[in-house]
Each structure stands twice: as structure tokens, then as C-alpha cells.
């Protein structure tokens, strides 16, 4: 790879980090952002690594980032409170069965975005952000807003 290709590749990843920040900014509690291989199709008997990340919005602007080498399930979180959570400290304690490579609680959008990019780029050799796919979902409301 020549120097111009390396610069272009770095720019792509920087642009991806900026896009992740934009995608996570000002989202409601319960919002879920997931990213992994764009061409992956889930199978119960799949034994290969499936590198992915998941970001869940908690209260007070705190995000929970989970990294994994297996498909991450959607958590049924009992409490979105961020009180007493250790912020900006990487945790590895097998608390989540499907989360193979740790998790982080943070309010820092740049830290979360850079961690996602690094997970794919440096650790798994993903050539380009174009090889990745993304899915996000908003929380359901139990009742319509007042006045409707």
C-alpha cells in the first residue's frame, strides 16, 4: 500500500469515527447502536468469530459499549440509571455471557467512537468501513405523548 492509499484509509476511519459520534449524539435512553460485518447472516451453528460492537444509551448521557467476537444479544436492562457505574474504565468480568471482549461505561462520545473504530481496524484487520454494517433502534414508548 503506497502512502496516498494509507492516508485515504486513515481518512475513511476518521470519517467513520465522526459518523459514529453523530449517530450517538443526543439519543434517548434505551437507544441501541450495533455494528459488525456488513455481509454477516446469523446462523445457530456458526462457529466463526463475528466481530461486533453494541452501544446502549443509559441515563445522564452515559453509554454502555460492549465488544465481542460473537453475536451480541439485546439486553433487557432492568434499570437505565448510570449512578455508581465506573466511567471510562474497561471492564472484563464475564458479567455478560455474549460480551467476549469487555465493556465500558462512558459519556465521552469520542472515546466510544474511537474504541469502535479501533476494534475493527486494528484488532480484526477490517480493510475499510465499507465492510461493516450498522443497525440502530429507538426504544418503544408505552403510552403516546400527552395531547394525542
C-alpha atoms as a PDB file:
ATOM      1  CA  UNK A   1       0.000   0.000   0.000  1.00  0.00           C
ATOM      2  CA  UNK A   2       1.518   3.333  -1.006  1.00  0.00           C
ATOM      3  CA  UNK A   3       1.431   6.497   1.114  1.00  0.00           C
ATOM      4  CA  UNK A   4      -1.645   8.002  -0.587  1.00  0.00           C
ATOM      5  CA  UNK A   5      -3.622   4.778  -0.011  1.00  0.00           C
ATOM      6  CA  UNK A   6      -2.604   4.759   3.661  1.00  0.00           C
ATOM      7  CA  UNK A   7      -3.705   8.392   4.070  1.00  0.00           C
ATOM      8  CA  UNK A   8      -7.004   7.646   2.327  1.00  0.00           C
ATOM      9  CA  UNK A   9      -7.585   4.639   4.605  1.00  0.00           C
ATOM     10  CA  UNK A  10      -6.888   6.718   7.737  1.00  0.00           C
ATOM     11  CA  UNK A  11      -9.304   9.374   6.470  1.00  0.00           C
ATOM     12  CA  UNK A  12     -12.004   6.723   5.979  1.00  0.00           C
ATOM     13  CA  UNK A  13     -11.636   5.535   9.569  1.00  0.00           C
ATOM     14  CA  UNK A  14     -11.567   9.104  10.891  1.00  0.00           C
ATOM     15  CA  UNK A  15     -14.752   9.799   8.948  1.00  0.00           C
ATOM     16  CA  UNK A  16     -16.294   6.662  10.431  1.00  0.00           C
ATOM     17  CA  UNK A  17     -15.464   7.822  13.971  1.00  0.00           C
ATOM     18  CA  UNK A  18     -17.079  11.193  13.209  1.00  0.00           C
ATOM     19  CA  UNK A  19     -20.150   9.407  11.818  1.00  0.00           C
ATOM     20  CA  UNK A  20     -20.432   7.243  14.961  1.00  0.00           C
ATOM     21  CA  UNK A  21     -20.257  10.364  17.140  1.00  0.00           C
ATOM     22  CA  UNK A  22     -23.018  11.974  15.091  1.00  0.00           C
ATOM     23  CA  UNK A  23     -25.086   8.771  15.264  1.00  0.00           C
ATOM     24  CA  UNK A  24     -24.850   8.613  19.063  1.00  0.00           C
ATOM     25  CA  UNK A  25     -25.255  12.302  19.913  1.00  0.00           C
ATOM     26  CA  UNK A  26     -28.461  13.361  21.667  1.00  0.00           C
ATOM     27  CA  UNK A  27     -30.104   9.938  21.587  1.00  0.00           C
ATOM     28  CA  UNK A  28     -32.748   8.921  24.133  1.00  0.00           C
ATOM     29  CA  UNK A  29     -32.266   6.458  26.947  1.00  0.00           C
ATOM     30  CA  UNK A  30     -32.640   2.952  25.540  1.00  0.00           C
ATOM     31  CA  UNK A  31     -31.321   3.794  22.059  1.00  0.00           C
ATOM     32  CA  UNK A  32     -29.289   0.873  20.661  1.00  0.00           C
ATOM     33  CA  UNK A  33     -26.470   1.089  18.091  1.00  0.00           C
ATOM     34  CA  UNK A  34     -24.938  -2.117  16.696  1.00  0.00           C
ATOM     35  CA  UNK A  35     -22.135  -2.646  14.195  1.00  0.00           C
ATOM     36  CA  UNK A  36     -20.490  -5.704  12.653  1.00  0.00           C
ATOM     37  CA  UNK A  37     -19.649  -7.350   9.338  1.00  0.00           C
ATOM     38  CA  UNK A  38     -21.932  -5.966   6.641  1.00  0.00           C
ATOM     39  CA  UNK A  39     -22.359  -9.315   4.911  1.00  0.00           C
ATOM     40  CA  UNK A  40     -22.950 -11.436   8.015  1.00  0.00           C
ATOM     41  CA  UNK A  41     -26.032 -13.662   8.184  1.00  0.00           C
ATOM     42  CA  UNK A  42     -26.753 -15.199  11.595  1.00  0.00           C
ATOM     43  CA  UNK A  43     -26.791 -18.986  11.920  1.00  0.00           C
ATOM     44  CA  UNK A  44     -27.265 -21.032  15.115  1.00  0.00           C
ATOM     45  CA  UNK A  45     -24.387 -23.339  14.192  1.00  0.00           C
ATOM     46  CA  UNK A  46     -21.931 -20.591  13.226  1.00  0.00           C
ATOM     47  CA  UNK A  47     -18.575 -21.296  14.901  1.00  0.00           C
ATOM     48  CA  UNK A  48     -16.571 -18.452  13.324  1.00  0.00           C
ATOM     49  CA  UNK A  49     -15.809 -15.210  15.122  1.00  0.00           C
ATOM     50  CA  UNK A  50     -18.299 -12.435  14.436  1.00  0.00           C
ATOM     51  CA  UNK A  51     -16.618  -9.214  15.477  1.00  0.00           C
ATOM     52  CA  UNK A  52     -19.172  -6.664  16.625  1.00  0.00           C
ATOM     53  CA  UNK A  53     -19.916  -3.770  18.948  1.00  0.00           C
ATOM     54  CA  UNK A  54     -23.055  -2.586  20.660  1.00  0.00           C
ATOM     55  CA  UNK A  55     -23.721   0.784  22.289  1.00  0.00           C
ATOM     56  CA  UNK A  56     -26.731   1.253  24.574  1.00  0.00           C
ATOM     57  CA  UNK A  57     -27.762   4.682  25.865  1.00  0.00           C
ATOM     58  CA  UNK A  58     -28.236   4.876  29.620  1.00  0.00           C
ATOM     59  CA  UNK A  59     -29.338   7.841  31.733  1.00  0.00           C
ATOM     60  CA  UNK A  60     -27.417  11.107  32.149  1.00  0.00           C
ATOM     61  CA  UNK A  61     -25.644  10.794  28.784  1.00  0.00           C
ATOM     62  CA  UNK A  62     -23.814   7.601  29.767  1.00  0.00           C
ATOM     63  CA  UNK A  63     -23.298   4.969  27.085  1.00  0.00           C
ATOM     64  CA  UNK A  64     -22.519   1.297  27.592  1.00  0.00           C
ATOM     65  CA  UNK A  65     -20.198  -0.039  24.881  1.00  0.00           C
ATOM     66  CA  UNK A  66     -19.811  -3.814  24.564  1.00  0.00           C
ATOM     67  CA  UNK A  67     -17.247  -5.522  22.290  1.00  0.00           C
ATOM     68  CA  UNK A  68     -17.488  -9.111  21.211  1.00  0.00           C
ATOM     69  CA  UNK A  69     -16.294 -11.852  18.894  1.00  0.00           C
ATOM     70  CA  UNK A  70     -19.740 -13.445  18.945  1.00  0.00           C
ATOM     71  CA  UNK A  71     -23.178 -12.093  18.128  1.00  0.00           C
ATOM     72  CA  UNK A  72     -24.352  -9.788  20.916  1.00  0.00           C
ATOM     73  CA  UNK A  73     -27.870 -10.264  22.168  1.00  0.00           C
ATOM     74  CA  UNK A  74     -30.114  -7.351  23.024  1.00  0.00           C
ATOM     75  CA  UNK A  75     -30.140  -6.842  26.747  1.00  0.00           C
ATOM     76  CA  UNK A  76     -33.327  -6.482  28.760  1.00  0.00           C
ATOM     77  CA  UNK A  77     -31.981  -3.813  31.075  1.00  0.00           C
ATOM     78  CA  UNK A  78     -33.819  -3.516  34.371  1.00  0.00           C
ATOM     79  CA  UNK A  79     -32.546  -0.028  35.160  1.00  0.00           C
ATOM     80  CA  UNK A  80     -31.009   2.560  32.821  1.00  0.00           C
ATOM     81  CA  UNK A  81     -29.612   4.535  35.754  1.00  0.00           C
ATOM     82  CA  UNK A  82     -25.950   5.442  35.464  1.00  0.00           C
ATOM     83  CA  UNK A  83     -25.464   6.083  39.198  1.00  0.00           C
ATOM     84  CA  UNK A  84     -22.471   4.212  40.638  1.00  0.00           C
ATOM     85  CA  UNK A  85     -21.210   2.981  37.257  1.00  0.00           C
ATOM     86  CA  UNK A  86     -17.430   3.158  36.829  1.00  0.00           C
ATOM     87  CA  UNK A  87     -16.921   5.591  33.938  1.00  0.00           C
ATOM     88  CA  UNK A  88     -14.100   5.337  31.381  1.00  0.00           C
ATOM     89  CA  UNK A  89     -12.730   2.090  32.825  1.00  0.00           C
ATOM     90  CA  UNK A  90     -12.569  -1.030  30.656  1.00  0.00           C
ATOM     91  CA  UNK A  91     -14.270  -3.967  32.401  1.00  0.00           C
ATOM     92  CA  UNK A  92     -13.640  -7.689  31.872  1.00  0.00           C
ATOM     93  CA  UNK A  93     -15.643  -9.683  34.366  1.00  0.00           C
ATOM     94  CA  UNK A  94     -17.830 -12.044  32.335  1.00  0.00           C
ATOM     95  CA  UNK A  95     -20.912 -10.160  33.522  1.00  0.00           C
ATOM     96  CA  UNK A  96     -22.469 -10.543  30.062  1.00  0.00           C
ATOM     97  CA  UNK A  97     -22.173 -14.056  28.612  1.00  0.00           C
ATOM     98  CA  UNK A  98     -22.122 -12.875  24.994  1.00  0.00           C
ATOM     99  CA  UNK A  99     -19.692  -9.999  25.552  1.00  0.00           C
ATOM    100  CA  UNK A 100     -16.332 -11.689  24.912  1.00  0.00           C
ATOM    101  CA  UNK A 101     -14.009  -8.671  24.958  1.00  0.00           C
ATOM    102  CA  UNK A 102     -15.197  -6.360  27.675  1.00  0.00           C
ATOM    103  CA  UNK A 103     -17.360  -3.334  28.131  1.00  0.00           C
ATOM    104  CA  UNK A 104     -17.129   0.319  29.039  1.00  0.00           C
ATOM    105  CA  UNK A 105     -19.412   2.952  30.526  1.00  0.00           C
ATOM    106  CA  UNK A 106     -18.677   6.479  29.321  1.00  0.00           C
ATOM    107  CA  UNK A 107     -20.127   9.882  28.480  1.00  0.00           C
ATOM    108  CA  UNK A 108     -17.238  10.540  26.081  1.00  0.00           C
ATOM    109  CA  UNK A 109     -18.546  10.198  22.510  1.00  0.00           C
ATOM    110  CA  UNK A 110     -15.041  10.411  21.039  1.00  0.00           C
ATOM    111  CA  UNK A 111     -13.756   7.630  23.304  1.00  0.00           C
ATOM    112  CA  UNK A 112     -16.673   5.363  22.385  1.00  0.00           C
ATOM    113  CA  UNK A 113     -16.317   6.075  18.645  1.00  0.00           C
ATOM    114  CA  UNK A 114     -12.532   5.587  18.678  1.00  0.00           C
ATOM    115  CA  UNK A 115     -12.912   2.331  20.608  1.00  0.00           C
ATOM    116  CA  UNK A 116     -15.362   1.031  17.987  1.00  0.00           C
ATOM    117  CA  UNK A 117     -13.087   2.023  15.103  1.00  0.00           C
ATOM    118  CA  UNK A 118     -10.007   0.527  16.753  1.00  0.00           C
ATOM    119  CA  UNK A 119     -11.818  -2.721  17.491  1.00  0.00           C
ATOM    120  CA  UNK A 120     -12.490  -3.257  13.799  1.00  0.00           C
ATOM    121  CA  UNK A 121      -9.448  -1.652  12.236  1.00  0.00           C
ATOM    122  CA  UNK A 122      -6.565  -2.659  14.477  1.00  0.00           C
ATOM    123  CA  UNK A 123      -7.714  -5.873  16.074  1.00  0.00           C
ATOM    124  CA  UNK A 124      -9.553  -7.537  13.225  1.00  0.00           C
ATOM    125  CA  UNK A 125      -7.943  -6.118  10.121  1.00  0.00           C
ATOM    126  CA  UNK A 126     -11.149  -4.868   8.546  1.00  0.00           C
ATOM    127  CA  UNK A 127      -9.898  -3.191   5.369  1.00  0.00           C
ATOM    128  CA  UNK A 128     -12.454  -0.431   5.176  1.00  0.00           C
ATOM    129  CA  UNK A 129     -15.548   0.888   6.963  1.00  0.00           C
ATOM    130  CA  UNK A 130     -17.394  -0.175   3.799  1.00  0.00           C
ATOM    131  CA  UNK A 131     -17.047  -3.789   5.005  1.00  0.00           C
ATOM    132  CA  UNK A 132     -19.169  -3.044   8.068  1.00  0.00           C
ATOM    133  CA  UNK A 133     -22.883  -2.817   8.590  1.00  0.00           C
ATOM    134  CA  UNK A 134     -24.826  -0.906  11.208  1.00  0.00           C
ATOM    135  CA  UNK A 135     -28.217  -1.196  12.797  1.00  0.00           C
ATOM    136  CA  UNK A 136     -29.832   1.027  15.347  1.00  0.00           C
ATOM    137  CA  UNK A 137     -33.154   1.125  17.107  1.00  0.00           C
ATOM    138  CA  UNK A 138     -35.056   3.524  19.289  1.00  0.00           C
ATOM    139  CA  UNK A 139     -36.874   2.490  22.466  1.00  0.00           C
ATOM    140  CA  UNK A 140     -40.597   1.853  22.329  1.00  0.00           C
ATOM    141  CA  UNK A 141     -42.933   4.223  24.159  1.00  0.00           C
ATOM    142  CA  UNK A 142     -45.541   2.619  26.368  1.00  0.00           C
ATOM    143  CA  UNK A 143     -48.014   5.481  26.032  1.00  0.00           C
ATOM    144  CA  UNK A 144     -48.405   8.167  23.370  1.00  0.00           C
ATOM    145  CA  UNK A 145     -47.244  11.683  24.271  1.00  0.00           C
ATOM    146  CA  UNK A 146     -49.776  13.762  26.213  1.00  0.00           C
ATOM    147  CA  UNK A 147     -52.238  15.533  23.915  1.00  0.00           C
ATOM    148  CA  UNK A 148     -52.519  12.844  21.224  1.00  0.00           C
END
